[in-house]
Amino acid sequence: MLAVVGIVLAGGALLVAFDLVAAALGAPSAIAAGVMALVPLGIVALGAWWMDRWEPEPRAALLFAFLWGAGVSVLVALVVGAVVDAGIELAGGPNDATEFVGAAVQAPLVEEIAKAFGLLLLVWAARRHFDGPVDGAVYATWIAGGFAFTENVLYFGSEIVEGGDVGMLFFVRGIMSPFAHVMFTVCTGIAIGFAVRRGAGAFGALGAAILGLIPAIGLHALWNAALFVVTDFFGYYFTIQFPLFVGMIVLVLWLRKQEWRLTRERLAEVAAAGWLDVAEIDWLGTPAGRRRAKAWARSVGRTGAMKAYIREAGRVAAARQRILSGRGRERERADELEGLRRLRALREVVAGRPVALG
């Protein structure tokens, strides 16, 4: 019910945002810009898929994250921007100083806070699907990717209407920096994820979001301010922004390895309780083992069963981790027991002994 309500409301916000953009640009320019904006969105989606391969998040939660970023966050930024612009007009009109403050201060603050609130809603409403920093990074990627998509439609469309260099703008925003917004918001997602893994409650997640917003807003401000002060954008990009992006990739790789380790540890506990054979831990708890398991399953025609078996093992491990963090013990233990029953049934199917999965 929460997923349906959230998706409908966030989807409605996206329709309103697109209506405003189309009204400002005209339908032909907005459509052309939308097609162009699909390219960086596709790149971001591939990055999110890569991060989310180990324990995929529910599609409804990912859809909500995208719609929140593309719709709600953009609307918040537009409304705040309109109010600030009205105040500037009353004070004498825009100038170089107000434009700099708007880009380097107002935009990072408003946009990152709006995106962070979407992450908090996911923690509060879908806590069972928000297990750690990798989950936080995945949700943050979809929120930021959604925001960048709508923003790119506005930027590309404005350049088309004004007759500017659309090709260069597309290259800079769509090819060189499709992950710019992602890099900012992932800081908040990772911070919330670490807090959740330690068993933080609603207020703990809020505190973590505030801490995560510090680097998120700082990186966003650095990116926007550079457009006003640097004379060699490409030199700045390759000496500052590109190394920061590489550092973010290294951090995500490290977080993924930590997630693999925790999955293996939790599955070892499951094996110790007699639900798995010790030999199966490598099959289910390591990337190389999963590849070998899938290759074997393909050779005997049980690919679907093996994929389901691996997914269920990941869910059981995640449920055990939530129990250890002290979250919702009774509900999590019930989920764990149900998951173990399904795991055992799927194990029989993989072994070639079909059973009713129930």
Protein backbone atom coordinates (compact mmCIF):
# COMPACT_ATOMS: atom_id res chain seq x y z
CA MET A 1 0.00 0.00 0.00
CA LEU A 2 2.80 2.41 0.91
CA ALA A 3 4.61 1.57 -2.32
CA VAL A 4 1.51 2.25 -4.42
CA VAL A 5 0.75 5.54 -2.66
CA GLY A 6 4.36 6.68 -2.86
CA ILE A 7 4.70 5.83 -6.54
CA VAL A 8 1.41 7.52 -7.44
CA LEU A 9 2.26 10.73 -5.56
CA ALA A 10 5.84 10.90 -6.82
CA GLY A 11 4.65 10.08 -10.35
CA GLY A 12 2.14 12.91 -10.12
CA ALA A 13 4.93 15.26 -9.09
CA LEU A 14 6.94 14.16 -12.12
CA LEU A 15 3.99 14.92 -14.43
CA VAL A 16 3.66 18.39 -12.93
CA ALA A 17 7.39 19.01 -13.29
CA PHE A 18 7.36 17.91 -16.92
CA ASP A 19 4.31 20.05 -17.61
CA LEU A 20 6.17 23.09 -16.27
CA VAL A 21 9.26 22.25 -18.31
CA ALA A 22 7.22 21.68 -21.48
CA ALA A 23 5.37 24.96 -20.94
CA ALA A 24 8.67 26.82 -20.61
CA LEU A 25 10.42 25.17 -23.55
CA GLY A 26 7.62 24.20 -25.89
CA ALA A 27 6.65 20.62 -26.62
CA PRO A 28 9.04 19.97 -29.56
CA SER A 29 12.10 21.21 -27.67
CA ALA A 30 11.07 19.37 -24.51
CA ILE A 31 10.63 16.09 -26.42
CA ALA A 32 13.99 16.44 -28.18
CA ALA A 33 15.67 17.26 -24.88
CA GLY A 34 13.95 14.30 -23.23
CA VAL A 35 15.37 11.92 -25.84
CA MET A 36 18.85 13.35 -25.30
CA ALA A 37 18.48 13.07 -21.52
CA LEU A 38 17.81 9.34 -21.86
CA VAL A 39 21.49 8.77 -22.70
CA PRO A 40 22.99 9.90 -19.36
CA LEU A 41 20.03 8.28 -17.58
CA GLY A 42 20.88 4.98 -19.25
CA ILE A 43 24.51 5.30 -18.11
CA VAL A 44 23.37 5.96 -14.54
CA ALA A 45 20.93 3.03 -14.68
CA LEU A 46 23.79 0.71 -15.69
CA GLY A 47 25.82 1.96 -12.74
CA ALA A 48 22.91 1.36 -10.37
CA TRP A 49 22.40 -2.14 -11.77
CA TRP A 50 26.10 -2.91 -11.26
CA MET A 51 25.93 -1.83 -7.61
CA ASP A 52 22.67 -3.68 -6.99
CA ARG A 53 23.57 -7.07 -8.47
CA TRP A 54 24.47 -8.80 -5.19
CA GLU A 55 21.17 -8.32 -3.38
CA PRO A 56 18.72 -6.58 -5.74
CA GLU A 57 16.32 -4.11 -4.17
CA PRO A 58 12.55 -4.29 -4.86
CA ARG A 59 11.62 -2.72 -8.17
CA ALA A 60 8.83 -0.73 -6.53
CA ALA A 61 11.32 0.89 -4.16
CA LEU A 62 13.68 1.71 -7.03
CA LEU A 63 10.84 3.16 -9.09
CA PHE A 64 9.79 5.34 -6.16
CA ALA A 65 13.39 6.52 -5.76
CA PHE A 66 13.60 7.52 -9.43
CA LEU A 67 10.23 9.28 -9.38
CA TRP A 68 11.12 11.11 -6.17
CA GLY A 69 14.28 12.46 -7.72
CA ALA A 70 12.79 13.26 -11.12
CA GLY A 71 9.54 14.71 -9.78
CA VAL A 72 9.38 15.75 -6.14
CA SER A 73 12.98 16.93 -5.76
CA VAL A 74 12.80 18.92 -8.98
CA LEU A 75 9.51 20.54 -7.96
CA VAL A 76 10.97 21.54 -4.61
CA ALA A 77 13.96 23.10 -6.35
CA LEU A 78 11.72 24.94 -8.84
CA VAL A 79 9.40 26.31 -6.16
CA VAL A 80 12.23 27.48 -3.90
CA GLY A 81 14.00 28.96 -6.92
CA ALA A 82 10.87 30.86 -7.96
CA VAL A 83 10.42 32.29 -4.46
CA VAL A 84 14.07 33.35 -4.25
CA ASP A 85 13.94 34.90 -7.73
CA ALA A 86 10.86 36.89 -6.75
CA GLY A 87 12.70 38.20 -3.70
CA ILE A 88 15.72 39.14 -5.81
CA GLU A 89 13.51 41.07 -8.23
CA LEU A 90 12.00 43.01 -5.36
CA ALA A 91 15.51 43.78 -4.08
CA GLY A 92 16.67 45.27 -7.35
CA GLY A 93 17.15 42.40 -9.76
CA PRO A 94 19.77 39.72 -10.31
CA ASN A 95 23.49 40.38 -10.56
CA ASP A 96 26.72 38.39 -10.59
CA ALA A 97 26.68 37.92 -6.82
CA THR A 98 23.10 36.61 -6.67
CA GLU A 99 23.75 34.24 -9.56
CA PHE A 100 26.84 32.83 -7.82
CA VAL A 101 25.02 32.40 -4.50
CA GLY A 102 22.09 30.76 -6.27
CA ALA A 103 24.31 28.24 -8.01
CA ALA A 104 26.92 27.58 -5.31
CA VAL A 105 24.78 27.86 -2.18
CA GLN A 106 21.04 27.73 -2.86
CA ALA A 107 21.04 24.89 -5.41
CA PRO A 108 23.28 22.49 -3.43
CA LEU A 109 21.36 23.09 -0.20
CA VAL A 110 17.85 22.79 -1.61
CA GLU A 111 18.49 19.98 -4.07
CA GLU A 112 20.52 17.73 -1.76
CA ILE A 113 18.08 18.17 1.14
CA ALA A 114 15.15 17.34 -1.14
CA LYS A 115 16.91 14.21 -2.41
CA ALA A 116 17.93 13.19 1.12
CA PHE A 117 14.32 13.32 2.28
CA GLY A 118 13.46 10.71 -0.34
CA LEU A 119 16.14 8.44 1.14
CA LEU A 120 14.70 8.95 4.61
CA LEU A 121 11.22 8.03 3.38
CA LEU A 122 12.63 4.77 2.04
CA VAL A 123 14.26 4.03 5.40
CA TRP A 124 11.10 4.80 7.34
CA ALA A 125 8.64 3.06 5.01
CA ALA A 126 10.72 0.21 3.56
CA ARG A 127 13.15 -0.52 6.37
CA ARG A 128 13.34 -4.23 5.53
CA HIS A 129 14.79 -3.35 2.14
CA PHE A 130 17.39 -0.86 3.38
CA ASP A 131 20.13 -2.97 4.94
CA GLY A 132 23.36 -1.05 4.63
CA PRO A 133 25.54 1.46 2.78
CA VAL A 134 25.36 -0.34 -0.58
CA ASP A 135 21.55 -0.17 -0.46
CA GLY A 136 21.86 3.50 0.42
CA ALA A 137 24.16 4.06 -2.55
CA VAL A 138 21.75 2.25 -4.89
CA TYR A 139 18.71 4.24 -3.79
CA ALA A 140 20.71 7.47 -3.88
CA THR A 141 21.83 6.67 -7.43
CA TRP A 142 18.24 6.29 -8.63
CA ILE A 143 17.10 9.46 -6.84
CA ALA A 144 20.02 11.48 -8.18
CA GLY A 145 19.67 9.92 -11.63
CA GLY A 146 16.01 10.91 -11.70
CA PHE A 147 16.81 14.48 -10.66
CA ALA A 148 19.57 14.76 -13.26
CA PHE A 149 17.22 13.41 -15.94
CA THR A 150 14.63 16.16 -15.47
CA GLU A 151 17.33 18.78 -15.01
CA ASN A 152 19.01 17.66 -18.23
CA VAL A 153 15.70 17.99 -20.09
CA LEU A 154 15.52 21.59 -18.85
CA TYR A 155 19.15 22.39 -19.71
CA PHE A 156 19.19 20.68 -23.10
CA GLY A 157 15.81 22.17 -24.00
CA SER A 158 16.86 25.68 -23.01
CA GLU A 159 19.97 25.37 -25.17
CA ILE A 160 17.85 24.22 -28.11
CA VAL A 161 15.44 27.15 -27.69
CA GLU A 162 18.27 29.67 -27.38
CA GLY A 163 20.16 28.24 -30.34
CA GLY A 164 23.26 27.47 -28.30
CA ASP A 165 25.87 24.74 -28.62
CA VAL A 166 23.67 21.78 -27.71
CA GLY A 167 26.33 19.27 -28.75
CA MET A 168 28.93 20.62 -26.30
CA LEU A 169 26.40 20.83 -23.47
CA PHE A 170 25.33 17.26 -24.14
CA PHE A 171 28.96 16.10 -24.13
CA VAL A 172 29.71 17.83 -20.82
CA ARG A 173 26.54 16.85 -18.97
CA GLY A 174 25.62 13.62 -20.72
CA ILE A 175 28.99 11.99 -21.39
CA MET A 176 31.58 13.58 -19.11
CA SER A 177 29.49 13.99 -15.98
CA PRO A 178 26.35 11.79 -15.95
CA PHE A 179 27.27 10.72 -12.40
CA ALA A 180 27.76 14.24 -10.98
CA HIS A 181 24.49 14.32 -9.04
CA VAL A 182 24.95 10.65 -8.16
CA MET A 183 28.33 11.37 -6.57
CA PHE A 184 26.78 14.07 -4.39
CA THR A 185 23.74 12.17 -3.17
CA VAL A 186 25.55 8.85 -2.67
CA CYS A 187 27.36 10.51 0.25
CA THR A 188 24.02 10.87 2.03
CA GLY A 189 22.88 7.38 1.06
CA ILE A 190 26.04 5.73 2.37
CA ALA A 191 25.85 7.64 5.65
CA ILE A 192 22.25 6.55 6.20
CA GLY A 193 23.15 2.99 5.22
CA PHE A 194 25.89 2.74 7.84
CA ALA A 195 23.50 4.04 10.50
CA VAL A 196 20.82 1.53 9.49
CA ARG A 197 23.31 -1.35 9.60
CA ARG A 198 24.15 -0.42 13.18
CA GLY A 199 20.47 -0.58 14.07
CA ALA A 200 19.73 3.15 14.15
CA GLY A 201 16.08 4.15 14.52
CA ALA A 202 14.20 6.90 12.73
CA PHE A 203 16.05 9.70 14.52
CA GLY A 204 19.36 7.95 14.06
CA ALA A 205 18.75 7.79 10.31
CA LEU A 206 17.89 11.49 10.35
CA GLY A 207 21.13 12.30 12.16
CA ALA A 208 23.09 10.22 9.66
CA ALA A 209 21.39 12.02 6.79
CA ILE A 210 22.47 15.38 8.22
CA LEU A 211 26.06 14.16 8.47
CA GLY A 212 25.93 12.76 4.94
CA LEU A 213 24.56 16.03 3.62
CA ILE A 214 27.77 17.83 4.60
CA PRO A 215 29.96 16.19 1.92
CA ALA A 216 27.00 15.96 -0.47
CA ILE A 217 26.35 19.71 -0.34
CA GLY A 218 30.07 20.46 -0.31
CA LEU A 219 30.79 18.45 -3.46
CA HIS A 220 27.73 19.93 -5.17
CA ALA A 221 28.83 23.45 -4.26
CA LEU A 222 32.36 22.74 -5.49
CA TRP A 223 31.03 21.58 -8.86
CA ASN A 224 28.68 24.56 -9.32
CA ALA A 225 31.11 27.20 -8.04
CA ALA A 226 33.83 26.01 -10.40
CA LEU A 227 31.70 27.05 -13.37
CA PHE A 228 32.07 30.67 -12.18
CA VAL A 229 35.76 30.76 -11.28
CA VAL A 230 37.73 28.33 -13.46
CA THR A 231 38.90 29.37 -16.89
CA ASP A 232 39.93 25.89 -18.05
CA PHE A 233 36.92 23.68 -17.34
CA PHE A 234 38.42 20.54 -18.85
CA GLY A 235 41.64 20.98 -16.89
CA TYR A 236 39.61 21.43 -13.70
CA TYR A 237 37.49 18.39 -14.54
CA PHE A 238 40.44 16.04 -15.04
CA THR A 239 42.42 17.31 -12.04
CA ILE A 240 39.59 17.63 -9.48
CA GLN A 241 36.28 16.09 -10.46
CA PHE A 242 37.49 12.97 -12.25
CA PRO A 243 39.74 11.88 -9.33
CA LEU A 244 36.82 12.47 -6.95
CA PHE A 245 34.65 10.24 -9.13
CA VAL A 246 37.32 7.53 -9.20
CA GLY A 247 37.53 7.77 -5.40
CA MET A 248 33.78 7.25 -5.17
CA ILE A 249 34.05 4.13 -7.35
CA VAL A 250 36.80 2.76 -5.10
CA LEU A 251 34.61 3.41 -2.05
CA VAL A 252 31.65 1.58 -3.59
CA LEU A 253 33.88 -1.36 -4.53
CA TRP A 254 35.06 -1.58 -0.94
CA LEU A 255 31.48 -1.42 0.34
CA ARG A 256 30.47 -4.21 -2.03
CA LYS A 257 33.27 -6.40 -0.70
CA GLN A 258 32.06 -5.73 2.84
CA GLU A 259 28.56 -6.79 1.78
CA TRP A 260 29.95 -10.01 0.29
CA ARG A 261 31.79 -10.71 3.55
CA LEU A 262 28.69 -10.17 5.68
CA THR A 263 26.62 -12.42 3.41
CA ARG A 264 29.22 -15.18 3.70
CA GLU A 265 29.35 -14.83 7.50
CA ARG A 266 25.58 -14.99 7.88
CA LEU A 267 25.33 -17.99 5.53
CA ALA A 268 28.04 -19.73 7.55
CA GLU A 269 25.74 -19.38 10.57
CA VAL A 270 22.88 -20.84 8.53
CA ALA A 271 25.10 -23.78 7.56
CA ALA A 272 26.14 -24.26 11.18
CA ALA A 273 22.45 -24.58 12.08
CA GLY A 274 22.06 -27.36 9.50
CA TRP A 275 20.07 -25.54 6.82
CA LEU A 276 22.95 -25.60 4.30
CA ASP A 277 26.00 -27.70 3.60
CA VAL A 278 29.29 -25.98 4.37
CA ALA A 279 30.34 -26.49 0.74
CA GLU A 280 27.37 -24.38 -0.42
CA ILE A 281 28.62 -21.27 1.36
CA ASP A 282 31.08 -20.57 -1.44
CA TRP A 283 28.38 -21.13 -4.07
CA LEU A 284 26.01 -18.68 -2.43
CA GLY A 285 28.29 -16.26 -0.60
CA THR A 286 31.00 -15.29 -3.09
CA PRO A 287 30.82 -13.72 -6.58
CA ALA A 288 33.03 -16.43 -8.09
CA GLY A 289 30.99 -19.14 -6.40
CA ARG A 290 27.74 -17.72 -7.73
CA ARG A 291 29.15 -17.66 -11.24
CA ARG A 292 30.19 -21.31 -10.94
CA ALA A 293 26.78 -22.21 -9.52
CA LYS A 294 24.96 -20.54 -12.39
CA ALA A 295 27.26 -22.16 -14.95
CA TRP A 296 26.55 -25.59 -13.46
CA ALA A 297 22.81 -24.86 -13.36
CA ARG A 298 22.84 -23.91 -17.05
CA SER A 299 24.52 -27.21 -17.89
CA VAL A 300 21.69 -29.18 -16.26
CA GLY A 301 18.80 -26.92 -17.25
CA ARG A 302 18.07 -25.44 -13.80
CA THR A 303 19.13 -21.83 -14.28
CA GLY A 304 15.88 -20.34 -12.94
CA ALA A 305 15.93 -22.49 -9.82
CA MET A 306 19.57 -21.60 -9.11
CA LYS A 307 18.92 -17.87 -9.50
CA ALA A 308 15.97 -18.13 -7.11
CA TYR A 309 18.11 -20.15 -4.70
CA ILE A 310 20.85 -17.50 -4.73
CA ARG A 311 18.33 -14.66 -4.27
CA GLU A 312 16.70 -16.45 -1.33
CA ALA A 313 20.08 -17.06 0.28
CA GLY A 314 20.82 -13.34 0.04
CA ARG A 315 17.49 -12.48 1.64
CA VAL A 316 18.07 -14.92 4.49
CA ALA A 317 21.51 -13.44 5.10
CA ALA A 318 20.05 -9.92 5.09
CA ALA A 319 17.32 -10.93 7.54
CA ARG A 320 19.94 -12.42 9.88
CA GLN A 321 21.97 -9.23 9.67
CA ARG A 322 18.91 -7.17 10.60
CA ILE A 323 18.31 -9.44 13.60
CA LEU A 324 21.89 -8.96 14.75
CA SER A 325 21.50 -5.19 14.44
CA GLY A 326 18.53 -5.36 16.83
CA ARG A 327 15.84 -4.32 14.37
CA GLY A 328 12.31 -5.76 14.62
CA ARG A 329 13.45 -9.04 16.11
CA GLU A 330 10.09 -10.87 16.08
CA ARG A 331 9.18 -9.91 12.53
CA GLU A 332 12.70 -10.49 11.27
CA ARG A 333 12.89 -13.92 12.90
CA ALA A 334 9.61 -14.86 11.24
CA ASP A 335 10.97 -13.65 7.90
CA GLU A 336 14.17 -15.57 8.48
CA LEU A 337 12.32 -18.79 9.27
CA GLU A 338 10.10 -18.45 6.20
CA GLY A 339 13.16 -17.69 4.10
CA LEU A 340 14.96 -20.75 5.44
CA ARG A 341 12.00 -22.94 4.53
CA ARG A 342 11.97 -21.55 1.00
CA LEU A 343 15.73 -21.91 0.83
CA ARG A 344 15.53 -25.58 1.71
CA ALA A 345 12.73 -26.15 -0.82
CA LEU A 346 14.67 -24.37 -3.57
CA ARG A 347 17.71 -26.43 -2.65
CA GLU A 348 15.73 -29.56 -3.43
CA VAL A 349 14.64 -28.14 -6.78
CA VAL A 350 18.24 -27.24 -7.67
CA ALA A 351 19.28 -30.76 -6.73
CA GLY A 352 16.68 -32.15 -9.12
CA ARG A 353 14.06 -33.14 -6.56
CA PRO A 354 11.00 -30.90 -7.28
CA VAL A 355 8.89 -29.95 -4.26
CA ALA A 356 5.96 -27.61 -3.62
CA LEU A 357 7.44 -24.23 -2.74
CA GLY A 358 4.31 -22.98 -0.96
